[in-house]
């Protein structure tokens, strides 16, 4: 496990777009997204312009040793109910083992401790077992099932909604940090 201090989240810039587009269009990432067509650079640039102007959409790159390796999006803020959604992926296939966990910790600190969100929501395709397990590791709980909710490659998939509350995050964070320290010294 790498040192948490070697990682940080930073804002996405226009100079990152080509790298992020390559990640987004890669088969390992694309197969678990709601959209499954190859996104063009023009579509990607338009998306960036929209999120750059939208205060209800935060995009951060996960950086390890000054190299971008992943992406986190935080969106659909509901101020009345103090909740939002997130999405993420590790784009660099050579990222150090454990980078996803560190990305989760950093993003959840931003969401719960900086932004003071009460409830974080996620939606995961039923066949994305790795993401379902990752969310559960971070303390998320399933909140139901959207049956035949998404069509990908002419096949219907269920979507699993999950959520994590700020109060639960505090305990989960302690456990994750203890495990990171153990792995660092093993």
N, C-alpha and C. Protein backbone atom coordinates (compact mmCIF):
# COMPACT_ATOMS: atom_id res chain seq x y z
N UNK A 1 0.84 -1.18 0.00
CA UNK A 1 0.00 0.00 0.00
C UNK A 1 0.89 1.24 0.00
N UNK A 2 0.53 2.17 -0.81
CA UNK A 2 1.27 3.42 -0.89
C UNK A 2 0.82 4.37 0.21
N UNK A 3 1.66 5.36 0.48
CA UNK A 3 1.38 6.35 1.51
C UNK A 3 0.26 7.28 1.06
N UNK A 4 -0.70 7.50 1.93
CA UNK A 4 -1.82 8.40 1.65
C UNK A 4 -1.33 9.79 1.24
N UNK A 5 -0.19 10.20 1.77
CA UNK A 5 0.34 11.53 1.48
C UNK A 5 0.81 11.69 0.03
N UNK A 6 0.96 10.59 -0.69
CA UNK A 6 1.37 10.67 -2.10
C UNK A 6 0.18 10.90 -3.03
N UNK A 7 -1.02 10.98 -2.47
CA UNK A 7 -2.25 11.13 -3.25
C UNK A 7 -2.94 12.45 -2.90
N UNK A 8 -3.62 13.01 -3.88
CA UNK A 8 -4.51 14.14 -3.62
C UNK A 8 -5.51 14.27 -4.76
N UNK A 9 -6.56 15.04 -4.51
CA UNK A 9 -7.55 15.34 -5.54
C UNK A 9 -7.30 16.76 -6.04
N UNK A 10 -7.40 16.95 -7.35
CA UNK A 10 -7.28 18.29 -7.91
C UNK A 10 -8.35 18.50 -8.97
N UNK A 11 -8.60 19.76 -9.27
CA UNK A 11 -9.60 20.09 -10.28
C UNK A 11 -9.17 19.58 -11.65
N UNK A 12 -10.14 19.21 -12.44
CA UNK A 12 -9.91 18.82 -13.83
C UNK A 12 -9.68 20.08 -14.64
N UNK A 13 -8.69 20.03 -15.53
CA UNK A 13 -8.42 21.18 -16.41
C UNK A 13 -8.54 20.72 -17.86
N UNK A 14 -8.60 21.70 -18.74
CA UNK A 14 -8.75 21.39 -20.16
C UNK A 14 -7.60 20.52 -20.67
N UNK A 15 -6.42 20.70 -20.11
CA UNK A 15 -5.26 19.91 -20.55
C UNK A 15 -5.38 18.43 -20.16
N UNK A 16 -6.32 18.09 -19.28
CA UNK A 16 -6.54 16.70 -18.86
C UNK A 16 -7.53 15.96 -19.74
N UNK A 17 -8.22 16.67 -20.62
CA UNK A 17 -9.36 16.08 -21.33
C UNK A 17 -9.00 14.87 -22.17
N UNK A 18 -7.89 14.92 -22.88
CA UNK A 18 -7.53 13.78 -23.73
C UNK A 18 -7.29 12.52 -22.90
N UNK A 19 -6.57 12.67 -21.80
CA UNK A 19 -6.30 11.53 -20.92
C UNK A 19 -7.61 10.97 -20.36
N UNK A 20 -8.47 11.82 -19.86
CA UNK A 20 -9.73 11.37 -19.26
C UNK A 20 -10.63 10.73 -20.32
N UNK A 21 -10.64 11.28 -21.52
CA UNK A 21 -11.44 10.68 -22.60
C UNK A 21 -10.94 9.28 -22.93
N UNK A 22 -9.64 9.10 -22.96
CA UNK A 22 -9.08 7.75 -23.20
C UNK A 22 -9.50 6.78 -22.11
N UNK A 23 -9.47 7.23 -20.87
CA UNK A 23 -9.93 6.38 -19.77
C UNK A 23 -11.40 6.03 -19.96
N UNK A 24 -12.21 7.06 -20.19
CA UNK A 24 -13.66 6.90 -20.26
C UNK A 24 -14.08 5.97 -21.39
N UNK A 25 -13.35 5.99 -22.50
CA UNK A 25 -13.69 5.15 -23.64
C UNK A 25 -13.05 3.76 -23.57
N UNK A 26 -12.22 3.52 -22.56
CA UNK A 26 -11.59 2.20 -22.44
C UNK A 26 -12.65 1.17 -22.07
N UNK A 27 -12.51 -0.03 -22.59
CA UNK A 27 -13.52 -1.08 -22.36
C UNK A 27 -13.76 -1.38 -20.88
N UNK A 28 -12.70 -1.48 -20.04
CA UNK A 28 -12.96 -1.80 -18.63
C UNK A 28 -13.82 -0.76 -17.91
N UNK A 29 -13.78 0.49 -18.34
CA UNK A 29 -14.59 1.54 -17.72
C UNK A 29 -15.93 1.67 -18.42
N UNK A 30 -15.89 1.70 -19.73
CA UNK A 30 -17.10 1.92 -20.52
C UNK A 30 -18.18 0.87 -20.26
N UNK A 31 -17.77 -0.37 -20.01
CA UNK A 31 -18.78 -1.43 -19.86
C UNK A 31 -19.65 -1.26 -18.62
N UNK A 32 -19.24 -0.42 -17.68
CA UNK A 32 -20.03 -0.21 -16.47
C UNK A 32 -20.69 1.17 -16.40
N UNK A 33 -20.58 1.95 -17.47
CA UNK A 33 -21.20 3.27 -17.52
C UNK A 33 -22.60 3.16 -18.11
N UNK A 34 -23.43 4.15 -17.86
CA UNK A 34 -24.78 4.16 -18.43
C UNK A 34 -24.74 4.29 -19.94
N UNK A 35 -23.83 5.08 -20.46
CA UNK A 35 -23.69 5.21 -21.91
C UNK A 35 -22.60 4.27 -22.38
N UNK A 36 -22.80 3.67 -23.56
CA UNK A 36 -21.79 2.71 -23.99
C UNK A 36 -21.19 3.02 -25.36
N UNK A 37 -21.52 4.18 -25.93
CA UNK A 37 -20.87 4.54 -27.19
C UNK A 37 -19.52 5.19 -26.90
N UNK A 38 -18.64 5.19 -27.89
CA UNK A 38 -17.38 5.90 -27.75
C UNK A 38 -17.66 7.39 -27.80
N UNK A 39 -17.26 8.08 -26.78
CA UNK A 39 -17.48 9.52 -26.69
C UNK A 39 -16.45 10.22 -27.56
N UNK A 40 -16.90 11.18 -28.35
CA UNK A 40 -15.98 11.93 -29.21
C UNK A 40 -15.32 13.04 -28.39
N UNK A 41 -14.23 13.58 -28.91
CA UNK A 41 -13.57 14.69 -28.22
C UNK A 41 -14.51 15.89 -28.15
N UNK A 42 -15.29 16.12 -29.18
CA UNK A 42 -16.24 17.24 -29.16
C UNK A 42 -17.28 17.06 -28.05
N UNK A 43 -17.85 15.87 -27.92
CA UNK A 43 -18.80 15.59 -26.84
C UNK A 43 -18.14 15.81 -25.47
N UNK A 44 -16.90 15.36 -25.37
CA UNK A 44 -16.16 15.45 -24.12
C UNK A 44 -15.88 16.92 -23.76
N UNK A 45 -15.49 17.70 -24.75
CA UNK A 45 -15.24 19.12 -24.53
C UNK A 45 -16.53 19.85 -24.12
N UNK A 46 -17.64 19.48 -24.75
CA UNK A 46 -18.93 20.09 -24.39
C UNK A 46 -19.32 19.72 -22.96
N UNK A 47 -19.09 18.46 -22.59
CA UNK A 47 -19.34 18.03 -21.21
C UNK A 47 -18.50 18.86 -20.24
N UNK A 48 -17.22 19.04 -20.56
CA UNK A 48 -16.32 19.80 -19.69
C UNK A 48 -16.81 21.24 -19.53
N UNK A 49 -17.22 21.85 -20.61
CA UNK A 49 -17.73 23.23 -20.54
C UNK A 49 -18.97 23.32 -19.65
N UNK A 50 -19.84 22.32 -19.75
CA UNK A 50 -21.05 22.31 -18.91
C UNK A 50 -20.70 22.16 -17.43
N UNK A 51 -19.84 21.21 -17.11
CA UNK A 51 -19.54 20.98 -15.69
C UNK A 51 -18.69 22.10 -15.11
N UNK A 52 -17.87 22.71 -15.94
CA UNK A 52 -17.03 23.82 -15.48
C UNK A 52 -17.89 25.00 -15.00
N UNK A 53 -19.04 25.19 -15.64
CA UNK A 53 -19.94 26.30 -15.30
C UNK A 53 -20.97 25.92 -14.25
N UNK A 54 -21.09 24.64 -13.95
CA UNK A 54 -22.17 24.15 -13.09
C UNK A 54 -21.66 23.96 -11.66
N UNK A 55 -22.14 24.79 -10.75
CA UNK A 55 -21.69 24.67 -9.36
C UNK A 55 -22.26 23.44 -8.67
N UNK A 56 -23.20 22.75 -9.31
CA UNK A 56 -23.74 21.51 -8.77
C UNK A 56 -23.07 20.28 -9.36
N UNK A 57 -21.91 20.46 -9.93
CA UNK A 57 -21.16 19.34 -10.51
C UNK A 57 -19.67 19.58 -10.23
N UNK A 58 -19.09 18.72 -9.44
CA UNK A 58 -17.67 18.82 -9.09
C UNK A 58 -16.95 17.65 -9.72
N UNK A 59 -15.84 17.92 -10.39
CA UNK A 59 -15.02 16.87 -10.99
C UNK A 59 -13.61 17.02 -10.46
N UNK A 60 -13.05 15.93 -9.96
CA UNK A 60 -11.69 15.94 -9.43
C UNK A 60 -10.91 14.77 -10.00
N UNK A 61 -9.63 15.03 -10.26
CA UNK A 61 -8.72 13.96 -10.65
C UNK A 61 -8.02 13.44 -9.40
N UNK A 62 -7.85 12.14 -9.32
CA UNK A 62 -7.01 11.55 -8.29
C UNK A 62 -5.59 11.55 -8.83
N UNK A 63 -4.68 12.14 -8.07
CA UNK A 63 -3.28 12.25 -8.50
C UNK A 63 -2.42 11.45 -7.53
N UNK A 64 -1.52 10.64 -8.10
CA UNK A 64 -0.56 9.87 -7.31
C UNK A 64 0.84 10.24 -7.80
N UNK A 65 1.68 10.69 -6.89
CA UNK A 65 3.05 11.12 -7.26
C UNK A 65 3.03 12.04 -8.48
N UNK A 66 2.13 13.00 -8.45
CA UNK A 66 1.98 14.04 -9.48
C UNK A 66 1.48 13.54 -10.82
N UNK A 67 1.00 12.30 -10.89
CA UNK A 67 0.42 11.76 -12.13
C UNK A 67 -1.06 11.45 -11.92
N UNK A 68 -1.94 11.94 -12.79
CA UNK A 68 -3.36 11.61 -12.68
C UNK A 68 -3.59 10.12 -12.90
N UNK A 69 -4.41 9.51 -12.02
CA UNK A 69 -4.68 8.08 -12.17
C UNK A 69 -6.17 7.74 -12.10
N UNK A 70 -7.00 8.71 -11.72
CA UNK A 70 -8.42 8.41 -11.59
C UNK A 70 -9.27 9.66 -11.59
N UNK A 71 -10.57 9.47 -11.57
CA UNK A 71 -11.52 10.58 -11.66
C UNK A 71 -12.69 10.36 -10.70
N UNK A 72 -13.12 11.44 -10.07
CA UNK A 72 -14.29 11.43 -9.18
C UNK A 72 -15.22 12.54 -9.64
N UNK A 73 -16.51 12.22 -9.75
CA UNK A 73 -17.52 13.25 -10.02
C UNK A 73 -18.52 13.27 -8.88
N UNK A 74 -18.91 14.47 -8.51
CA UNK A 74 -19.91 14.68 -7.46
C UNK A 74 -20.96 15.59 -8.08
N UNK A 75 -22.22 15.13 -8.08
CA UNK A 75 -23.23 15.91 -8.80
C UNK A 75 -24.63 15.71 -8.21
N UNK A 76 -25.60 16.31 -8.89
CA UNK A 76 -27.01 16.22 -8.48
C UNK A 76 -27.20 16.63 -7.02
N UNK A 77 -26.60 17.76 -6.65
CA UNK A 77 -26.76 18.26 -5.29
C UNK A 77 -28.21 18.64 -5.04
N UNK A 78 -28.72 18.19 -3.92
CA UNK A 78 -30.07 18.51 -3.48
C UNK A 78 -29.91 19.22 -2.14
N UNK A 79 -29.92 20.55 -2.17
CA UNK A 79 -29.66 21.33 -0.96
C UNK A 79 -30.75 21.17 0.09
N UNK A 80 -31.99 21.03 -0.34
CA UNK A 80 -33.09 20.87 0.62
C UNK A 80 -32.90 19.61 1.47
N UNK A 81 -32.54 18.51 0.82
CA UNK A 81 -32.36 17.23 1.51
C UNK A 81 -30.91 16.93 1.86
N UNK A 82 -30.02 17.84 1.49
CA UNK A 82 -28.59 17.75 1.80
C UNK A 82 -28.00 16.41 1.36
N UNK A 83 -28.18 16.12 0.07
CA UNK A 83 -27.63 14.88 -0.49
C UNK A 83 -27.09 15.16 -1.89
N UNK A 84 -26.29 14.22 -2.38
CA UNK A 84 -25.77 14.30 -3.74
C UNK A 84 -25.40 12.89 -4.20
N UNK A 85 -24.94 12.81 -5.44
CA UNK A 85 -24.50 11.55 -6.04
C UNK A 85 -23.01 11.63 -6.36
N UNK A 86 -22.40 10.46 -6.52
CA UNK A 86 -21.02 10.44 -6.97
C UNK A 86 -20.81 9.32 -7.97
N UNK A 87 -19.71 9.43 -8.68
CA UNK A 87 -19.23 8.39 -9.58
C UNK A 87 -17.71 8.49 -9.60
N UNK A 88 -17.05 7.44 -10.04
CA UNK A 88 -15.58 7.44 -9.98
C UNK A 88 -15.03 6.29 -10.80
N UNK A 89 -13.76 6.37 -11.11
CA UNK A 89 -13.03 5.23 -11.65
C UNK A 89 -11.54 5.50 -11.57
N UNK A 90 -10.79 4.42 -11.49
CA UNK A 90 -9.34 4.49 -11.65
C UNK A 90 -9.10 4.25 -13.13
N UNK A 91 -8.54 5.24 -13.81
CA UNK A 91 -8.32 5.14 -15.24
C UNK A 91 -7.00 4.51 -15.61
N UNK A 92 -6.00 4.72 -14.77
CA UNK A 92 -4.66 4.20 -15.04
C UNK A 92 -4.61 2.74 -14.58
N UNK A 93 -4.49 1.85 -15.54
CA UNK A 93 -4.46 0.41 -15.22
C UNK A 93 -3.22 0.01 -14.42
N UNK A 94 -2.20 0.89 -14.37
CA UNK A 94 -0.98 0.60 -13.61
C UNK A 94 -0.97 1.32 -12.26
N UNK A 95 -2.10 1.83 -11.85
CA UNK A 95 -2.17 2.52 -10.56
C UNK A 95 -1.81 1.54 -9.44
N UNK A 96 -1.14 2.02 -8.41
CA UNK A 96 -0.78 1.13 -7.30
C UNK A 96 -2.00 0.48 -6.66
N UNK A 97 -1.81 -0.73 -6.22
CA UNK A 97 -2.87 -1.44 -5.50
C UNK A 97 -3.32 -0.59 -4.31
N UNK A 98 -4.61 -0.50 -4.10
CA UNK A 98 -5.13 0.30 -3.00
C UNK A 98 -5.47 1.73 -3.36
N UNK A 99 -5.18 2.13 -4.59
CA UNK A 99 -5.46 3.51 -5.00
C UNK A 99 -6.96 3.82 -4.97
N UNK A 100 -7.78 2.85 -5.29
CA UNK A 100 -9.22 3.06 -5.25
C UNK A 100 -9.70 3.37 -3.84
N UNK A 101 -9.17 2.66 -2.86
CA UNK A 101 -9.55 2.92 -1.48
C UNK A 101 -9.14 4.32 -1.06
N UNK A 102 -7.95 4.72 -1.45
CA UNK A 102 -7.48 6.07 -1.11
C UNK A 102 -8.34 7.11 -1.82
N UNK A 103 -8.68 6.87 -3.08
CA UNK A 103 -9.56 7.78 -3.80
C UNK A 103 -10.89 7.91 -3.05
N UNK A 104 -11.43 6.79 -2.59
CA UNK A 104 -12.68 6.82 -1.84
C UNK A 104 -12.56 7.65 -0.58
N UNK A 105 -11.49 7.45 0.17
CA UNK A 105 -11.29 8.21 1.41
C UNK A 105 -11.22 9.70 1.11
N UNK A 106 -10.40 10.09 0.14
CA UNK A 106 -10.24 11.51 -0.18
C UNK A 106 -11.54 12.13 -0.67
N UNK A 107 -12.26 11.41 -1.51
CA UNK A 107 -13.53 11.94 -2.04
C UNK A 107 -14.58 12.05 -0.93
N UNK A 108 -14.65 11.05 -0.07
CA UNK A 108 -15.64 11.08 1.00
C UNK A 108 -15.30 12.14 2.05
N UNK A 109 -14.02 12.39 2.26
CA UNK A 109 -13.64 13.52 3.13
C UNK A 109 -14.13 14.83 2.52
N UNK A 110 -13.93 15.00 1.23
CA UNK A 110 -14.40 16.21 0.54
C UNK A 110 -15.92 16.34 0.68
N UNK A 111 -16.62 15.26 0.41
CA UNK A 111 -18.09 15.29 0.40
C UNK A 111 -18.66 15.51 1.80
N UNK A 112 -18.21 14.74 2.77
CA UNK A 112 -18.82 14.79 4.10
C UNK A 112 -18.21 15.85 5.02
N UNK A 113 -16.89 16.07 4.91
CA UNK A 113 -16.22 16.96 5.85
C UNK A 113 -16.10 18.38 5.31
N UNK A 114 -15.85 18.54 4.03
CA UNK A 114 -15.72 19.88 3.46
C UNK A 114 -17.07 20.43 2.99
N UNK A 115 -17.78 19.64 2.20
CA UNK A 115 -19.06 20.09 1.66
C UNK A 115 -20.22 19.90 2.63
N UNK A 116 -19.99 19.14 3.69
CA UNK A 116 -20.99 18.91 4.75
C UNK A 116 -22.29 18.27 4.22
N UNK A 117 -22.13 17.35 3.28
CA UNK A 117 -23.28 16.62 2.75
C UNK A 117 -23.73 15.60 3.80
N UNK A 118 -25.03 15.41 3.92
CA UNK A 118 -25.61 14.46 4.89
C UNK A 118 -25.68 13.05 4.34
N UNK A 119 -26.03 12.93 3.04
CA UNK A 119 -26.23 11.62 2.43
C UNK A 119 -25.62 11.60 1.04
N UNK A 120 -24.81 10.59 0.78
CA UNK A 120 -24.20 10.41 -0.54
C UNK A 120 -24.84 9.19 -1.20
N UNK A 121 -25.30 9.37 -2.43
CA UNK A 121 -25.97 8.31 -3.17
C UNK A 121 -25.11 7.83 -4.34
N UNK A 122 -25.33 6.59 -4.72
CA UNK A 122 -24.63 6.01 -5.87
C UNK A 122 -25.58 5.06 -6.58
N UNK A 123 -25.31 4.83 -7.85
CA UNK A 123 -26.04 3.83 -8.62
C UNK A 123 -25.02 2.96 -9.34
N UNK A 124 -25.18 1.64 -9.20
CA UNK A 124 -24.22 0.70 -9.75
C UNK A 124 -24.96 -0.35 -10.57
N UNK A 125 -24.46 -0.63 -11.77
CA UNK A 125 -25.03 -1.70 -12.57
C UNK A 125 -24.88 -3.03 -11.84
N UNK A 126 -25.90 -3.87 -11.93
CA UNK A 126 -25.92 -5.14 -11.19
C UNK A 126 -24.73 -6.04 -11.50
N UNK A 127 -24.16 -5.94 -12.70
CA UNK A 127 -23.05 -6.81 -13.07
C UNK A 127 -21.69 -6.24 -12.66
N UNK A 128 -21.67 -5.08 -12.04
CA UNK A 128 -20.41 -4.47 -11.60
C UNK A 128 -20.16 -4.87 -10.14
N UNK A 129 -19.84 -6.13 -9.97
CA UNK A 129 -19.64 -6.70 -8.62
C UNK A 129 -18.51 -6.00 -7.89
N UNK A 130 -17.45 -5.66 -8.61
CA UNK A 130 -16.30 -5.00 -7.98
C UNK A 130 -16.72 -3.66 -7.36
N UNK A 131 -17.52 -2.89 -8.09
CA UNK A 131 -17.97 -1.60 -7.56
C UNK A 131 -18.96 -1.79 -6.40
N UNK A 132 -19.84 -2.76 -6.51
CA UNK A 132 -20.77 -3.04 -5.39
C UNK A 132 -19.99 -3.37 -4.12
N UNK A 133 -18.99 -4.24 -4.25
CA UNK A 133 -18.18 -4.61 -3.09
C UNK A 133 -17.38 -3.42 -2.56
N UNK A 134 -16.87 -2.59 -3.47
CA UNK A 134 -16.11 -1.40 -3.07
C UNK A 134 -17.00 -0.45 -2.26
N UNK A 135 -18.21 -0.21 -2.76
CA UNK A 135 -19.13 0.66 -2.04
C UNK A 135 -19.41 0.11 -0.64
N UNK A 136 -19.62 -1.19 -0.54
CA UNK A 136 -19.90 -1.79 0.77
C UNK A 136 -18.69 -1.67 1.69
N UNK A 137 -17.49 -1.79 1.14
CA UNK A 137 -16.27 -1.61 1.92
C UNK A 137 -16.23 -0.20 2.51
N UNK A 138 -16.73 0.77 1.74
CA UNK A 138 -16.75 2.16 2.19
C UNK A 138 -17.94 2.47 3.10
N UNK A 139 -18.78 1.48 3.37
CA UNK A 139 -19.89 1.66 4.29
C UNK A 139 -21.24 1.90 3.65
N UNK A 140 -21.31 1.91 2.33
CA UNK A 140 -22.58 2.11 1.64
C UNK A 140 -23.50 0.91 1.88
N UNK A 141 -24.80 1.20 1.87
CA UNK A 141 -25.81 0.14 1.99
C UNK A 141 -26.75 0.23 0.79
N UNK A 142 -27.19 -0.95 0.34
CA UNK A 142 -28.14 -0.99 -0.77
C UNK A 142 -29.48 -0.43 -0.31
N UNK A 143 -30.12 0.31 -1.22
CA UNK A 143 -31.42 0.91 -0.91
C UNK A 143 -32.53 0.43 -1.84
N UNK A 144 -32.31 -0.69 -2.48
CA UNK A 144 -33.35 -1.22 -3.36
C UNK A 144 -32.77 -1.71 -4.67
N UNK A 145 -33.60 -1.70 -5.70
CA UNK A 145 -33.18 -2.18 -7.01
C UNK A 145 -34.09 -1.56 -8.07
N UNK A 146 -33.47 -0.99 -9.11
CA UNK A 146 -34.22 -0.51 -10.27
C UNK A 146 -34.15 -1.62 -11.32
N UNK A 147 -35.25 -2.30 -11.54
CA UNK A 147 -35.29 -3.49 -12.40
C UNK A 147 -35.30 -3.08 -13.88
N UNK A 148 -34.45 -3.78 -14.66
CA UNK A 148 -34.35 -3.52 -16.11
C UNK A 148 -34.25 -2.02 -16.40
N UNK A 149 -33.39 -1.36 -15.69
CA UNK A 149 -33.31 0.10 -15.68
C UNK A 149 -32.48 0.68 -16.82
N UNK A 150 -31.47 -0.06 -17.25
CA UNK A 150 -30.53 0.43 -18.26
C UNK A 150 -30.37 -0.62 -19.36
N UNK A 151 -30.29 -0.16 -20.60
CA UNK A 151 -30.01 -1.05 -21.73
C UNK A 151 -28.57 -0.80 -22.18
N UNK A 152 -27.80 -1.86 -22.20
CA UNK A 152 -26.42 -1.80 -22.71
C UNK A 152 -26.23 -2.98 -23.64
N UNK A 153 -25.75 -2.70 -24.82
CA UNK A 153 -25.53 -3.75 -25.82
C UNK A 153 -26.78 -4.61 -26.01
N UNK A 154 -27.91 -3.96 -26.11
CA UNK A 154 -29.21 -4.62 -26.34
C UNK A 154 -29.62 -5.56 -25.22
N UNK A 155 -29.11 -5.36 -24.03
CA UNK A 155 -29.47 -6.18 -22.88
C UNK A 155 -29.87 -5.26 -21.73
N UNK A 156 -30.95 -5.62 -21.03
CA UNK A 156 -31.41 -4.84 -19.88
C UNK A 156 -30.63 -5.24 -18.63
N UNK A 157 -30.31 -4.24 -17.82
CA UNK A 157 -29.61 -4.46 -16.56
C UNK A 157 -30.35 -3.75 -15.43
N UNK A 158 -30.34 -4.39 -14.27
CA UNK A 158 -30.83 -3.73 -13.07
C UNK A 158 -29.75 -2.75 -12.59
N UNK A 159 -30.20 -1.75 -11.87
CA UNK A 159 -29.30 -0.80 -11.24
C UNK A 159 -29.54 -0.87 -9.73
N UNK A 160 -28.45 -0.92 -8.98
CA UNK A 160 -28.53 -1.00 -7.52
C UNK A 160 -28.24 0.39 -6.94
N UNK A 161 -29.24 1.02 -6.31
CA UNK A 161 -28.98 2.28 -5.62
C UNK A 161 -28.37 2.00 -4.24
N UNK A 162 -27.35 2.78 -3.90
CA UNK A 162 -26.69 2.64 -2.60
C UNK A 162 -26.57 4.02 -1.98
N UNK A 163 -26.36 4.05 -0.66
CA UNK A 163 -26.18 5.33 0.02
C UNK A 163 -25.29 5.16 1.24
N UNK A 164 -24.63 6.26 1.58
CA UNK A 164 -23.81 6.35 2.79
C UNK A 164 -24.15 7.67 3.47
N UNK A 165 -24.36 7.61 4.77
CA UNK A 165 -24.66 8.80 5.55
C UNK A 165 -23.40 9.30 6.25
N UNK A 166 -23.34 10.60 6.44
CA UNK A 166 -22.18 11.23 7.08
C UNK A 166 -21.87 10.59 8.43
N UNK A 167 -22.90 10.34 9.24
CA UNK A 167 -22.69 9.76 10.58
C UNK A 167 -22.01 8.40 10.50
N UNK A 168 -22.34 7.61 9.49
CA UNK A 168 -21.72 6.29 9.32
C UNK A 168 -20.30 6.42 8.79
N UNK A 169 -20.05 7.43 7.97
CA UNK A 169 -18.74 7.62 7.37
C UNK A 169 -17.65 7.79 8.42
N UNK A 170 -17.94 8.48 9.50
CA UNK A 170 -16.93 8.74 10.52
C UNK A 170 -16.36 7.44 11.05
N UNK A 171 -17.20 6.46 11.35
CA UNK A 171 -16.73 5.16 11.85
C UNK A 171 -16.00 4.37 10.77
N UNK A 172 -16.54 4.38 9.56
CA UNK A 172 -15.92 3.65 8.46
C UNK A 172 -14.53 4.21 8.16
N UNK A 173 -14.41 5.54 8.19
CA UNK A 173 -13.13 6.18 7.90
C UNK A 173 -12.05 5.71 8.88
N UNK A 174 -12.40 5.64 10.16
CA UNK A 174 -11.44 5.18 11.16
C UNK A 174 -10.93 3.79 10.82
N UNK A 175 -11.84 2.89 10.47
CA UNK A 175 -11.45 1.51 10.14
C UNK A 175 -10.59 1.46 8.89
N UNK A 176 -10.95 2.23 7.87
CA UNK A 176 -10.17 2.25 6.63
C UNK A 176 -8.76 2.76 6.88
N UNK A 177 -8.63 3.81 7.68
CA UNK A 177 -7.30 4.37 7.96
C UNK A 177 -6.46 3.39 8.77
N UNK A 178 -7.07 2.68 9.71
CA UNK A 178 -6.34 1.66 10.47
C UNK A 178 -5.84 0.58 9.53
N UNK A 179 -6.69 0.12 8.62
CA UNK A 179 -6.28 -0.91 7.65
C UNK A 179 -5.18 -0.41 6.72
N UNK A 180 -5.25 0.85 6.31
CA UNK A 180 -4.20 1.41 5.46
C UNK A 180 -2.86 1.42 6.18
N UNK A 181 -2.89 1.81 7.45
CA UNK A 181 -1.64 1.83 8.23
C UNK A 181 -1.07 0.43 8.37
N UNK A 182 -1.94 -0.55 8.63
CA UNK A 182 -1.47 -1.94 8.76
C UNK A 182 -0.81 -2.41 7.47
N UNK A 183 -1.48 -2.15 6.34
CA UNK A 183 -0.95 -2.58 5.04
C UNK A 183 0.36 -1.87 4.71
N UNK A 184 0.48 -0.63 5.13
CA UNK A 184 1.69 0.15 4.84
C UNK A 184 2.91 -0.48 5.51
N UNK A 185 2.71 -1.06 6.69
CA UNK A 185 3.84 -1.58 7.44
C UNK A 185 4.00 -3.09 7.34
N UNK A 186 3.17 -3.75 6.53
CA UNK A 186 3.32 -5.20 6.38
C UNK A 186 4.32 -5.52 5.31
